[in-house]
Amino acid sequence: MARVTCADIQAMKQRGERTVITIVYDYTTAQIADKAGSESLLVGDSAARRVLGYTENAAISMDEMILLSRAVVRGSSAATFPTRRVRPDAYAELVRLLHVRCRAGLCRAEPLPSDAGG
């Protein structure tokens, strides 16, 4: 199966087709989601709690997100979208994710706990 791109997903939406987006954190789950027909995979910062044992999502580092994203990209032909909360260096982090061959990087505009209160 050819790798799905953001343009492919946008065209599907314009045609009124539904897309399947699956949250995955590793190579094996990416393979399973790919075989099940998921068009896109989300590598979320929730991996911090679910995979790495942190107490909050914001604790995950960009290096850890890149490690997980690389594994997912190797395991699937679907578009891969890592997400992470916005930090001051978000643009540089997005460039790093794109170098992993992810199709896009999504940043949520939520303040980090360390940004609260001033």
PDB file of N, CA and C in Angstrom:
ATOM      1  N   MET A   1       0.850  -1.181   0.000  1.00  0.00           N
ATOM      2  CA  MET A   1       0.000   0.000   0.000  1.00  0.00           C
ATOM      3  C   MET A   1       0.891   1.238   0.000  1.00  0.00           C
ATOM      4  N   ALA A   2       0.572   2.210  -0.847  1.00  0.00           N
ATOM      5  CA  ALA A   2       1.347   3.450  -0.915  1.00  0.00           C
ATOM      6  C   ALA A   2       1.090   4.292   0.332  1.00  0.00           C
ATOM      7  N   ARG A   3       2.108   5.030   0.746  1.00  0.00           N
ATOM      8  CA  ARG A   3       1.964   5.879   1.930  1.00  0.00           C
ATOM      9  C   ARG A   3       0.932   6.967   1.650  1.00  0.00           C
ATOM     10  N   VAL A   4       0.021   7.130   2.576  1.00  0.00           N
ATOM     11  CA  VAL A   4      -1.032   8.137   2.472  1.00  0.00           C
ATOM     12  C   VAL A   4      -0.441   9.488   2.877  1.00  0.00           C
ATOM     13  N   THR A   5      -0.797  10.535   2.144  1.00  0.00           N
ATOM     14  CA  THR A   5      -0.294  11.874   2.445  1.00  0.00           C
ATOM     15  C   THR A   5      -1.408  12.756   2.988  1.00  0.00           C
ATOM     16  N   CYS A   6      -1.032  13.915   3.485  1.00  0.00           N
ATOM     17  CA  CYS A   6      -2.034  14.886   3.943  1.00  0.00           C
ATOM     18  C   CYS A   6      -2.968  15.269   2.799  1.00  0.00           C
ATOM     19  N   ALA A   7      -2.415  15.412   1.587  1.00  0.00           N
ATOM     20  CA  ALA A   7      -3.240  15.755   0.418  1.00  0.00           C
ATOM     21  C   ALA A   7      -4.271  14.660   0.144  1.00  0.00           C
ATOM     22  N   ASP A   8      -3.878  13.395   0.312  1.00  0.00           N
ATOM     23  CA  ASP A   8      -4.819  12.286   0.134  1.00  0.00           C
ATOM     24  C   ASP A   8      -5.975  12.386   1.127  1.00  0.00           C
ATOM     25  N   ILE A   9      -5.646  12.671   2.374  1.00  0.00           N
ATOM     26  CA  ILE A   9      -6.672  12.767   3.413  1.00  0.00           C
ATOM     27  C   ILE A   9      -7.578  13.967   3.153  1.00  0.00           C
ATOM     28  N   GLN A  10      -7.000  15.077   2.713  1.00  0.00           N
ATOM     29  CA  GLN A  10      -7.798  16.261   2.388  1.00  0.00           C
ATOM     30  C   GLN A  10      -8.746  15.961   1.226  1.00  0.00           C
ATOM     31  N   ALA A  11      -8.263  15.252   0.206  1.00  0.00           N
ATOM     32  CA  ALA A  11      -9.122  14.885  -0.942  1.00  0.00           C
ATOM     33  C   ALA A  11     -10.255  13.970  -0.487  1.00  0.00           C
ATOM     34  N   MET A  12      -9.973  13.041   0.403  1.00  0.00           N
ATOM     35  CA  MET A  12     -11.013  12.152   0.929  1.00  0.00           C
ATOM     36  C   MET A  12     -12.090  12.970   1.634  1.00  0.00           C
ATOM     37  N   LYS A  13     -11.650  13.947   2.428  1.00  0.00           N
ATOM     38  CA  LYS A  13     -12.612  14.788   3.144  1.00  0.00           C
ATOM     39  C   LYS A  13     -13.475  15.570   2.159  1.00  0.00           C
ATOM     40  N   GLN A  14     -12.860  16.118   1.113  1.00  0.00           N
ATOM     41  CA  GLN A  14     -13.611  16.888   0.118  1.00  0.00           C
ATOM     42  C   GLN A  14     -14.624  16.010  -0.618  1.00  0.00           C
ATOM     43  N   ARG A  15     -14.316  14.730  -0.774  1.00  0.00           N
ATOM     44  CA  ARG A  15     -15.255  13.800  -1.430  1.00  0.00           C
ATOM     45  C   ARG A  15     -16.316  13.296  -0.460  1.00  0.00           C
ATOM     46  N   GLY A  16     -16.202  13.704   0.805  1.00  0.00           N
ATOM     47  CA  GLY A  16     -17.179  13.276   1.797  1.00  0.00           C
ATOM     48  C   GLY A  16     -16.888  11.905   2.384  1.00  0.00           C
ATOM     49  N   GLU A  17     -15.695  11.381   2.123  1.00  0.00           N
ATOM     50  CA  GLU A  17     -15.319  10.072   2.661  1.00  0.00           C
ATOM     51  C   GLU A  17     -14.828  10.231   4.094  1.00  0.00           C
ATOM     52  N   ARG A  18     -15.099   9.230   4.881  1.00  0.00           N
ATOM     53  CA  ARG A  18     -14.590   9.214   6.255  1.00  0.00           C
ATOM     54  C   ARG A  18     -13.199   8.613   6.264  1.00  0.00           C
ATOM     55  N   THR A  19     -12.396   9.073   7.194  1.00  0.00           N
ATOM     56  CA  THR A  19     -11.059   8.504   7.345  1.00  0.00           C
ATOM     57  C   THR A  19     -10.943   7.870   8.719  1.00  0.00           C
ATOM     58  N   VAL A  20     -10.091   6.895   8.808  1.00  0.00           N
ATOM     59  CA  VAL A  20      -9.839   6.228  10.084  1.00  0.00           C
ATOM     60  C   VAL A  20      -8.507   6.725  10.619  1.00  0.00           C
ATOM     61  N   ILE A  21      -8.530   7.271  11.829  1.00  0.00           N
ATOM     62  CA  ILE A  21      -7.321   7.734  12.496  1.00  0.00           C
ATOM     63  C   ILE A  21      -7.160   6.901  13.755  1.00  0.00           C
ATOM     64  N   THR A  22      -5.992   6.294  13.904  1.00  0.00           N
ATOM     65  CA  THR A  22      -5.729   5.403  15.027  1.00  0.00           C
ATOM     66  C   THR A  22      -4.560   5.935  15.847  1.00  0.00           C
ATOM     67  N   ILE A  23      -4.692   5.911  17.158  1.00  0.00           N
ATOM     68  CA  ILE A  23      -3.590   6.325  18.029  1.00  0.00           C
ATOM     69  C   ILE A  23      -2.694   5.118  18.252  1.00  0.00           C
ATOM     70  N   VAL A  24      -1.420   5.280  17.922  1.00  0.00           N
ATOM     71  CA  VAL A  24      -0.436   4.207  18.104  1.00  0.00           C
ATOM     72  C   VAL A  24       0.849   4.788  18.670  1.00  0.00           C
ATOM     73  N   TYR A  25       1.645   3.923  19.295  1.00  0.00           N
ATOM     74  CA  TYR A  25       2.892   4.375  19.907  1.00  0.00           C
ATOM     75  C   TYR A  25       4.088   3.513  19.524  1.00  0.00           C
ATOM     76  N   ASP A  26       3.864   2.446  18.735  1.00  0.00           N
ATOM     77  CA  ASP A  26       4.966   1.532  18.467  1.00  0.00           C
ATOM     78  C   ASP A  26       4.838   0.866  17.109  1.00  0.00           C
ATOM     79  N   TYR A  27       5.886   0.179  16.697  1.00  0.00           N
ATOM     80  CA  TYR A  27       5.984  -0.485  15.401  1.00  0.00           C
ATOM     81  C   TYR A  27       4.897  -1.545  15.209  1.00  0.00           C
ATOM     82  N   THR A  28       4.729  -2.423  16.183  1.00  0.00           N
ATOM     83  CA  THR A  28       3.788  -3.530  16.055  1.00  0.00           C
ATOM     84  C   THR A  28       2.348  -3.036  15.938  1.00  0.00           C
ATOM     85  N   THR A  29       1.971  -2.092  16.778  1.00  0.00           N
ATOM     86  CA  THR A  29       0.619  -1.558  16.712  1.00  0.00           C
ATOM     87  C   THR A  29       0.401  -0.801  15.401  1.00  0.00           C
ATOM     88  N   ALA A  30       1.435  -0.142  14.899  1.00  0.00           N
ATOM     89  CA  ALA A  30       1.343   0.543  13.608  1.00  0.00           C
ATOM     90  C   ALA A  30       1.080  -0.463  12.492  1.00  0.00           C
ATOM     91  N   GLN A  31       1.742  -1.622  12.542  1.00  0.00           N
ATOM     92  CA  GLN A  31       1.499  -2.659  11.536  1.00  0.00           C
ATOM     93  C   GLN A  31       0.064  -3.163  11.601  1.00  0.00           C
ATOM     94  N   ILE A  32      -0.437  -3.379  12.805  1.00  0.00           N
ATOM     95  CA  ILE A  32      -1.807  -3.858  12.985  1.00  0.00           C
ATOM     96  C   ILE A  32      -2.800  -2.825  12.451  1.00  0.00           C
ATOM     97  N   ALA A  33      -2.599  -1.554  12.808  1.00  0.00           N
ATOM     98  CA  ALA A  33      -3.494  -0.488  12.338  1.00  0.00           C
ATOM     99  C   ALA A  33      -3.437  -0.376  10.818  1.00  0.00           C
ATOM    100  N   ASP A  34      -2.258  -0.544  10.255  1.00  0.00           N
ATOM    101  CA  ASP A  34      -2.091  -0.472   8.803  1.00  0.00           C
ATOM    102  C   ASP A  34      -2.866  -1.592   8.118  1.00  0.00           C
ATOM    103  N   LYS A  35      -2.738  -2.802   8.632  1.00  0.00           N
ATOM    104  CA  LYS A  35      -3.450  -3.952   8.045  1.00  0.00           C
ATOM    105  C   LYS A  35      -4.958  -3.824   8.225  1.00  0.00           C
ATOM    106  N   ALA A  36      -5.378  -3.114   9.275  1.00  0.00           N
ATOM    107  CA  ALA A  36      -6.812  -2.919   9.518  1.00  0.00           C
ATOM    108  C   ALA A  36      -7.397  -1.813   8.637  1.00  0.00           C
ATOM    109  N   GLY A  37      -6.533  -1.076   7.915  1.00  0.00           N
ATOM    110  CA  GLY A  37      -7.015  -0.072   6.984  1.00  0.00           C
ATOM    111  C   GLY A  37      -7.038   1.358   7.478  1.00  0.00           C
ATOM    112  N   SER A  38      -6.348   1.649   8.569  1.00  0.00           N
ATOM    113  CA  SER A  38      -6.304   3.023   9.062  1.00  0.00           C
ATOM    114  C   SER A  38      -5.518   3.894   8.095  1.00  0.00           C
ATOM    115  N   GLU A  39      -6.109   5.024   7.667  1.00  0.00           N
ATOM    116  CA  GLU A  39      -5.431   5.915   6.733  1.00  0.00           C
ATOM    117  C   GLU A  39      -4.390   6.792   7.408  1.00  0.00           C
ATOM    118  N   SER A  40      -4.561   7.062   8.683  1.00  0.00           N
ATOM    119  CA  SER A  40      -3.608   7.916   9.372  1.00  0.00           C
ATOM    120  C   SER A  40      -3.443   7.464  10.816  1.00  0.00           C
ATOM    121  N   LEU A  41      -2.241   7.698  11.311  1.00  0.00           N
ATOM    122  CA  LEU A  41      -1.897   7.299  12.667  1.00  0.00           C
ATOM    123  C   LEU A  41      -1.506   8.532  13.467  1.00  0.00           C
ATOM    124  N   LEU A  42      -1.936   8.568  14.696  1.00  0.00           N
ATOM    125  CA  LEU A  42      -1.625   9.671  15.585  1.00  0.00           C
ATOM    126  C   LEU A  42      -0.677   9.150  16.660  1.00  0.00           C
ATOM    127  N   VAL A  43       0.483   9.745  16.755  1.00  0.00           N
ATOM    128  CA  VAL A  43       1.425   9.426  17.830  1.00  0.00           C
ATOM    129  C   VAL A  43       1.287  10.565  18.829  1.00  0.00           C
ATOM    130  N   GLY A  44       0.488  10.352  19.844  1.00  0.00           N
ATOM    131  CA  GLY A  44       0.153  11.435  20.767  1.00  0.00           C
ATOM    132  C   GLY A  44       1.088  11.527  21.948  1.00  0.00           C
ATOM    133  N   ASP A  45       1.088  12.709  22.565  1.00  0.00           N
ATOM    134  CA  ASP A  45       1.896  12.881  23.762  1.00  0.00           C
ATOM    135  C   ASP A  45       1.340  12.083  24.941  1.00  0.00           C
ATOM    136  N   SER A  46       0.173  11.474  24.754  1.00  0.00           N
ATOM    137  CA  SER A  46      -0.361  10.587  25.793  1.00  0.00           C
ATOM    138  C   SER A  46       0.530   9.361  25.976  1.00  0.00           C
ATOM    139  N   ALA A  47       1.469   9.146  25.047  1.00  0.00           N
ATOM    140  CA  ALA A  47       2.458   8.076  25.213  1.00  0.00           C
ATOM    141  C   ALA A  47       3.278   8.295  26.484  1.00  0.00           C
ATOM    142  N   ALA A  48       3.356   9.530  26.925  1.00  0.00           N
ATOM    143  CA  ALA A  48       4.094   9.827  28.156  1.00  0.00           C
ATOM    144  C   ALA A  48       3.565   8.979  29.316  1.00  0.00           C
ATOM    145  N   ARG A  49       2.239   8.940  29.451  1.00  0.00           N
ATOM    146  CA  ARG A  49       1.626   8.160  30.533  1.00  0.00           C
ATOM    147  C   ARG A  49       1.427   6.703  30.153  1.00  0.00           C
ATOM    148  N   ARG A  50       0.985   6.471  28.933  1.00  0.00           N
ATOM    149  CA  ARG A  50       0.606   5.119  28.512  1.00  0.00           C
ATOM    150  C   ARG A  50       1.796   4.195  28.251  1.00  0.00           C
ATOM    151  N   VAL A  51       2.892   4.753  27.769  1.00  0.00           N
ATOM    152  CA  VAL A  51       4.037   3.929  27.386  1.00  0.00           C
ATOM    153  C   VAL A  51       5.230   4.138  28.321  1.00  0.00           C
ATOM    154  N   LEU A  52       5.491   5.394  28.660  1.00  0.00           N
ATOM    155  CA  LEU A  52       6.722   5.715  29.381  1.00  0.00           C
ATOM    156  C   LEU A  52       6.552   5.852  30.889  1.00  0.00           C
ATOM    157  N   GLY A  53       5.310   5.828  31.373  1.00  0.00           N
ATOM    158  CA  GLY A  53       5.083   5.825  32.811  1.00  0.00           C
ATOM    159  C   GLY A  53       5.173   7.170  33.502  1.00  0.00           C
ATOM    160  N   TYR A  54       5.163   8.271  32.752  1.00  0.00           N
ATOM    161  CA  TYR A  54       5.156   9.588  33.365  1.00  0.00           C
ATOM    162  C   TYR A  54       3.790   9.852  33.980  1.00  0.00           C
ATOM    163  N   THR A  55       3.716  10.820  34.876  1.00  0.00           N
ATOM    164  CA  THR A  55       2.440  11.135  35.511  1.00  0.00           C
ATOM    165  C   THR A  55       1.618  12.142  34.719  1.00  0.00           C
ATOM    166  N   GLU A  56       2.238  12.826  33.751  1.00  0.00           N
ATOM    167  CA  GLU A  56       1.498  13.759  32.901  1.00  0.00           C
ATOM    168  C   GLU A  56       2.074  13.764  31.488  1.00  0.00           C
ATOM    169  N   ASN A  57       1.231  14.080  30.523  1.00  0.00           N
ATOM    170  CA  ASN A  57       1.637  14.060  29.120  1.00  0.00           C
ATOM    171  C   ASN A  57       2.761  15.039  28.811  1.00  0.00           C
ATOM    172  N   ALA A  58       2.756  16.186  29.472  1.00  0.00           N
ATOM    173  CA  ALA A  58       3.749  17.225  29.176  1.00  0.00           C
ATOM    174  C   ALA A  58       5.174  16.795  29.515  1.00  0.00           C
ATOM    175  N   ALA A  59       5.332  15.710  30.234  1.00  0.00           N
ATOM    176  CA  ALA A  59       6.669  15.273  30.635  1.00  0.00           C
ATOM    177  C   ALA A  59       7.471  14.641  29.496  1.00  0.00           C
ATOM    178  N   ILE A  60       6.814  14.260  28.418  1.00  0.00           N
ATOM    179  CA  ILE A  60       7.516  13.589  27.323  1.00  0.00           C
ATOM    180  C   ILE A  60       8.424  14.577  26.593  1.00  0.00           C
ATOM    181  N   SER A  61       9.622  14.129  26.273  1.00  0.00           N
ATOM    182  CA  SER A  61      10.572  14.993  25.567  1.00  0.00           C
ATOM    183  C   SER A  61      10.408  14.831  24.059  1.00  0.00           C
ATOM    184  N   MET A  62      10.940  15.766  23.323  1.00  0.00           N
ATOM    185  CA  MET A  62      10.888  15.669  21.871  1.00  0.00           C
ATOM    186  C   MET A  62      11.691  14.466  21.399  1.00  0.00           C
ATOM    187  N   ASP A  63      12.805  14.178  22.041  1.00  0.00           N
ATOM    188  CA  ASP A  63      13.590  12.999  21.665  1.00  0.00           C
ATOM    189  C   ASP A  63      12.773  11.722  21.816  1.00  0.00           C
ATOM    190  N   GLU A  64      11.965  11.647  22.877  1.00  0.00           N
ATOM    191  CA  GLU A  64      11.113  10.477  23.076  1.00  0.00           C
ATOM    192  C   GLU A  64      10.013  10.421  22.021  1.00  0.00           C
ATOM    193  N   MET A  65       9.417  11.570  21.673  1.00  0.00           N
ATOM    194  CA  MET A  65       8.389  11.601  20.629  1.00  0.00           C
ATOM    195  C   MET A  65       8.974  11.164  19.286  1.00  0.00           C
ATOM    196  N   ILE A  66      10.192  11.592  19.000  1.00  0.00           N
ATOM    197  CA  ILE A  66      10.843  11.210  17.746  1.00  0.00           C
ATOM    198  C   ILE A  66      11.116   9.713  17.724  1.00  0.00           C
ATOM    199  N   LEU A  67      11.576   9.156  18.826  1.00  0.00           N
ATOM    200  CA  LEU A  67      11.818   7.714  18.898  1.00  0.00           C
ATOM    201  C   LEU A  67      10.538   6.931  18.602  1.00  0.00           C
ATOM    202  N   LEU A  68       9.437   7.319  19.244  1.00  0.00           N
ATOM    203  CA  LEU A  68       8.160   6.638  19.018  1.00  0.00           C
ATOM    204  C   LEU A  68       7.675   6.839  17.587  1.00  0.00           C
ATOM    205  N   SER A  69       7.802   8.053  17.066  1.00  0.00           N
ATOM    206  CA  SER A  69       7.347   8.358  15.707  1.00  0.00           C
ATOM    207  C   SER A  69       8.126   7.565  14.669  1.00  0.00           C
ATOM    208  N   ARG A  70       9.428   7.416  14.864  1.00  0.00           N
ATOM    209  CA  ARG A  70      10.237   6.626  13.926  1.00  0.00           C
ATOM    210  C   ARG A  70       9.747   5.183  13.873  1.00  0.00           C
ATOM    211  N   ALA A  71       9.443   4.628  15.029  1.00  0.00           N
ATOM    212  CA  ALA A  71       8.962   3.247  15.073  1.00  0.00           C
ATOM    213  C   ALA A  71       7.631   3.119  14.333  1.00  0.00           C
ATOM    214  N   VAL A  72       6.741   4.073  14.530  1.00  0.00           N
ATOM    215  CA  VAL A  72       5.435   4.032  13.877  1.00  0.00           C
ATOM    216  C   VAL A  72       5.582   4.190  12.366  1.00  0.00           C
ATOM    217  N   VAL A  73       6.424   5.106  11.931  1.00  0.00           N
ATOM    218  CA  VAL A  73       6.638   5.312  10.496  1.00  0.00           C
ATOM    219  C   VAL A  73       7.175   4.038   9.841  1.00  0.00           C
ATOM    220  N   ARG A  74       8.094   3.347  10.510  1.00  0.00           N
ATOM    221  CA  ARG A  74       8.637   2.098   9.953  1.00  0.00           C
ATOM    222  C   ARG A  74       7.576   1.009   9.866  1.00  0.00           C
ATOM    223  N   GLY A  75       6.584   1.040  10.735  1.00  0.00           N
ATOM    224  CA  GLY A  75       5.598  -0.024  10.789  1.00  0.00           C
ATOM    225  C   GLY A  75       4.359   0.187   9.952  1.00  0.00           C
ATOM    226  N   SER A  76       4.246   1.318   9.259  1.00  0.00           N
ATOM    227  CA  SER A  76       2.984   1.602   8.576  1.00  0.00           C
ATOM    228  C   SER A  76       3.183   2.403   7.299  1.00  0.00           C
ATOM    229  N   SER A  77       2.219   2.261   6.396  1.00  0.00           N
ATOM    230  CA  SER A  77       2.191   3.094   5.199  1.00  0.00           C
ATOM    231  C   SER A  77       1.218   4.251   5.375  1.00  0.00           C
ATOM    232  N   ALA A  78       0.564   4.319   6.517  1.00  0.00           N
ATOM    233  CA  ALA A  78      -0.398   5.389   6.774  1.00  0.00           C
ATOM    234  C   ALA A  78       0.338   6.695   7.059  1.00  0.00           C
ATOM    235  N   ALA A  79      -0.376   7.794   6.912  1.00  0.00           N
ATOM    236  CA  ALA A  79       0.184   9.086   7.296  1.00  0.00           C
ATOM    237  C   ALA A  79       0.366   9.078   8.809  1.00  0.00           C
ATOM    238  N   THR A  80       1.450   9.649   9.295  1.00  0.00           N
ATOM    239  CA  THR A  80       1.743   9.652  10.721  1.00  0.00           C
ATOM    240  C   THR A  80       1.782  11.082  11.226  1.00  0.00           C
ATOM    241  N   PHE A  81       1.044  11.338  12.314  1.00  0.00           N
ATOM    242  CA  PHE A  81       0.933  12.676  12.858  1.00  0.00           C
ATOM    243  C   PHE A  81       1.305  12.678  14.341  1.00  0.00           C
ATOM    244  N   PRO A  82       2.537  13.047  14.664  1.00  0.00           N
ATOM    245  CA  PRO A  82       2.868  13.183  16.082  1.00  0.00           C
ATOM    246  C   PRO A  82       2.242  14.465  16.627  1.00  0.00           C
ATOM    247  N   THR A  83       1.758  14.448  17.837  1.00  0.00           N
ATOM    248  CA  THR A  83       1.216  15.659  18.449  1.00  0.00           C
ATOM    249  C   THR A  83       1.906  15.895  19.777  1.00  0.00           C
ATOM    250  N   ARG A  84       2.009  17.149  20.127  1.00  0.00           N
ATOM    251  CA  ARG A  84       2.660  17.519  21.370  1.00  0.00           C
ATOM    252  C   ARG A  84       2.208  18.916  21.743  1.00  0.00           C
ATOM    253  N   ARG A  85       2.188  19.202  23.008  1.00  0.00           N
ATOM    254  CA  ARG A  85       1.812  20.541  23.438  1.00  0.00           C
ATOM    255  C   ARG A  85       2.838  21.563  22.964  1.00  0.00           C
ATOM    256  N   VAL A  86       2.377  22.779  22.773  1.00  0.00           N
ATOM    257  CA  VAL A  86       3.237  23.833  22.244  1.00  0.00           C
ATOM    258  C   VAL A  86       4.255  24.276  23.288  1.00  0.00           C
ATOM    259  N   ARG A  87       5.477  24.398  22.842  1.00  0.00           N
ATOM    260  CA  ARG A  87       6.567  24.936  23.658  1.00  0.00           C
ATOM    261  C   ARG A  87       7.138  26.140  22.906  1.00  0.00           C
ATOM    262  N   PRO A  88       7.939  26.949  23.552  1.00  0.00           N
ATOM    263  CA  PRO A  88       8.523  28.100  22.858  1.00  0.00           C
ATOM    264  C   PRO A  88       9.317  27.712  21.613  1.00  0.00           C
ATOM    265  N   ASP A  89       9.908  26.529  21.606  1.00  0.00           N
ATOM    266  CA  ASP A  89      10.714  26.098  20.457  1.00  0.00           C
ATOM    267  C   ASP A  89       9.910  25.159  19.542  1.00  0.00           C
ATOM    268  N   ALA A  90       8.597  25.378  19.443  1.00  0.00           N
ATOM    269  CA  ALA A  90       7.727  24.469  18.695  1.00  0.00           C
ATOM    270  C   ALA A  90       8.111  24.358  17.224  1.00  0.00           C
ATOM    271  N   TYR A  91       8.525  25.446  16.603  1.00  0.00           N
ATOM    272  CA  TYR A  91       8.888  25.385  15.183  1.00  0.00           C
ATOM    273  C   TYR A  91      10.083  24.460  14.972  1.00  0.00           C
ATOM    274  N   ALA A  92      11.098  24.595  15.796  1.00  0.00           N
ATOM    275  CA  ALA A  92      12.275  23.737  15.675  1.00  0.00           C
ATOM    276  C   ALA A  92      11.901  22.279  15.921  1.00  0.00           C
ATOM    277  N   GLU A  93      10.980  22.032  16.846  1.00  0.00           N
ATOM    278  CA  GLU A  93      10.538  20.668  17.115  1.00  0.00           C
ATOM    279  C   GLU A  93       9.779  20.101  15.924  1.00  0.00           C
ATOM    280  N   LEU A  94       8.957  20.913  15.278  1.00  0.00           N
ATOM    281  CA  LEU A  94       8.217  20.472  14.096  1.00  0.00           C
ATOM    282  C   LEU A  94       9.187  20.065  12.988  1.00  0.00           C
ATOM    283  N   VAL A  95      10.218  20.852  12.783  1.00  0.00           N
ATOM    284  CA  VAL A  95      11.224  20.522  11.761  1.00  0.00           C
ATOM    285  C   VAL A  95      11.878  19.186  12.080  1.00  0.00           C
ATOM    286  N   ARG A  96      12.189  18.938  13.338  1.00  0.00           N
ATOM    287  CA  ARG A  96      12.783  17.654  13.732  1.00  0.00           C
ATOM    288  C   ARG A  96      11.838  16.499  13.423  1.00  0.00           C
ATOM    289  N   LEU A  97      10.543  16.682  13.696  1.00  0.00           N
ATOM    290  CA  LEU A  97       9.574  15.628  13.415  1.00  0.00           C
ATOM    291  C   LEU A  97       9.456  15.372  11.916  1.00  0.00           C
ATOM    292  N   LEU A  98       9.483  16.411  11.125  1.00  0.00           N
ATOM    293  CA  LEU A  98       9.385  16.239   9.681  1.00  0.00           C
ATOM    294  C   LEU A  98      10.585  15.482   9.134  1.00  0.00           C
ATOM    295  N   HIS A  99      11.722  15.614   9.771  1.00  0.00           N
ATOM    296  CA  HIS A  99      12.904  14.861   9.352  1.00  0.00           C
ATOM    297  C   HIS A  99      12.749  13.369   9.623  1.00  0.00           C
ATOM    298  N   VAL A 100      11.806  13.000  10.473  1.00  0.00           N
ATOM    299  CA  VAL A 100      11.530  11.595  10.756  1.00  0.00           C
ATOM    300  C   VAL A 100      10.655  10.998   9.652  1.00  0.00           C
ATOM    301  N   ARG A 101      10.256  11.800   8.680  1.00  0.00           N
ATOM    302  CA  ARG A 101       9.410  11.416   7.561  1.00  0.00           C
ATOM    303  C   ARG A 101       7.944  11.363   7.956  1.00  0.00           C
ATOM    304  N   CYS A 102       7.585  12.031   9.009  1.00  0.00           N
ATOM    305  CA  CYS A 102       6.173  12.136   9.352  1.00  0.00           C
ATOM    306  C   CYS A 102       5.542  13.085   8.348  1.00  0.00           C
ATOM    307  N   ARG A 103       4.290  12.914   8.090  1.00  0.00           N
ATOM    308  CA  ARG A 103       3.616  13.729   7.092  1.00  0.00           C
ATOM    309  C   ARG A 103       3.229  15.096   7.639  1.00  0.00           C
ATOM    310  N   ALA A 104       3.102  15.221   8.926  1.00  0.00           N
ATOM    311  CA  ALA A 104       2.771  16.514   9.525  1.00  0.00           C
ATOM    312  C   ALA A 104       3.052  16.428  11.006  1.00  0.00           C
ATOM    313  N   GLY A 105       3.208  17.540  11.613  1.00  0.00           N
ATOM    314  CA  GLY A 105       3.313  17.610  13.063  1.00  0.00           C
ATOM    315  C   GLY A 105       2.199  18.517  13.535  1.00  0.00           C
ATOM    316  N   LEU A 106       1.481  18.100  14.526  1.00  0.00           N
ATOM    317  CA  LEU A 106       0.374  18.895  15.028  1.00  0.00           C
ATOM    318  C   LEU A 106       0.733  19.393  16.417  1.00  0.00           C
ATOM    319  N   CYS A 107       0.526  20.652  16.658  1.00  0.00           N
ATOM    320  CA  CYS A 107       0.781  21.218  17.980  1.00  0.00           C
ATOM    321  C   CYS A 107      -0.521  21.743  18.532  1.00  0.00           C
ATOM    322  N   ARG A 108      -0.811  21.364  19.742  1.00  0.00           N
ATOM    323  CA  ARG A 108      -2.023  21.863  20.394  1.00  0.00           C
ATOM    324  C   ARG A 108      -1.654  23.123  21.167  1.00  0.00           C
ATOM    325  N   ALA A 109      -2.489  24.124  21.087  1.00  0.00           N
ATOM    326  CA  ALA A 109      -2.216  25.396  21.755  1.00  0.00           C
ATOM    327  C   ALA A 109      -2.688  25.345  23.194  1.00  0.00           C
ATOM    328  N   GLU A 110      -2.065  24.512  23.983  1.00  0.00           N
ATOM    329  CA  GLU A 110      -2.376  24.418  25.404  1.00  0.00           C
ATOM    330  C   GLU A 110      -1.127  24.843  26.166  1.00  0.00           C
ATOM    331  N   PRO A 111      -1.288  25.640  27.203  1.00  0.00           N
ATOM    332  CA  PRO A 111      -0.100  26.018  27.976  1.00  0.00           C
ATOM    333  C   PRO A 111       0.429  24.816  28.743  1.00  0.00           C
ATOM    334  N   LEU A 112       1.728  24.728  28.857  1.00  0.00           N
ATOM    335  CA  LEU A 112       2.331  23.682  29.675  1.00  0.00           C
ATOM    336  C   LEU A 112       2.151  24.045  31.137  1.00  0.00           C
ATOM    337  N   PRO A 113       2.144  23.058  32.026  1.00  0.00           N
ATOM    338  CA  PRO A 113       1.976  23.366  33.457  1.00  0.00           C
ATOM    339  C   PRO A 113       2.986  24.384  33.956  1.00  0.00           C
ATOM    340  N   SER A 114       4.219  24.360  33.453  1.00  0.00           N
ATOM    341  CA  SER A 114       5.251  25.293  33.886  1.00  0.00           C
ATOM    342  C   SER A 114       4.967  26.706  33.409  1.00  0.00           C
ATOM    343  N   ASP A 115       4.072  26.879  32.401  1.00  0.00           N
ATOM    344  CA  ASP A 115       3.732  28.201  31.894  1.00  0.00           C
ATOM    345  C   ASP A 115       2.596  28.856  32.683  1.00  0.00           C
ATOM    346  N   ALA A 116       1.930  28.089  33.514  1.00  0.00           N
ATOM    347  CA  ALA A 116       0.772  28.603  34.247  1.00  0.00           C
ATOM    348  C   ALA A 116       1.208  29.592  35.325  1.00  0.00           C
ATOM    349  N   GLY A 117       0.407  30.569  35.544  1.00  0.00           N
ATOM    350  CA  GLY A 117       0.652  31.505  36.624  1.00  0.00           C
ATOM    351  C   GLY A 117       1.704  32.555  36.338  1.00  0.00           C
ATOM    352  N   GLY A 118       2.007  32.787  35.095  1.00  0.00           N
ATOM    353  CA  GLY A 118       2.847  33.929  34.850  1.00  0.00           C
ATOM    354  C   GLY A 118       4.021  33.739  34.079  1.00  0.00           C
TER     355      GLY A 118
END
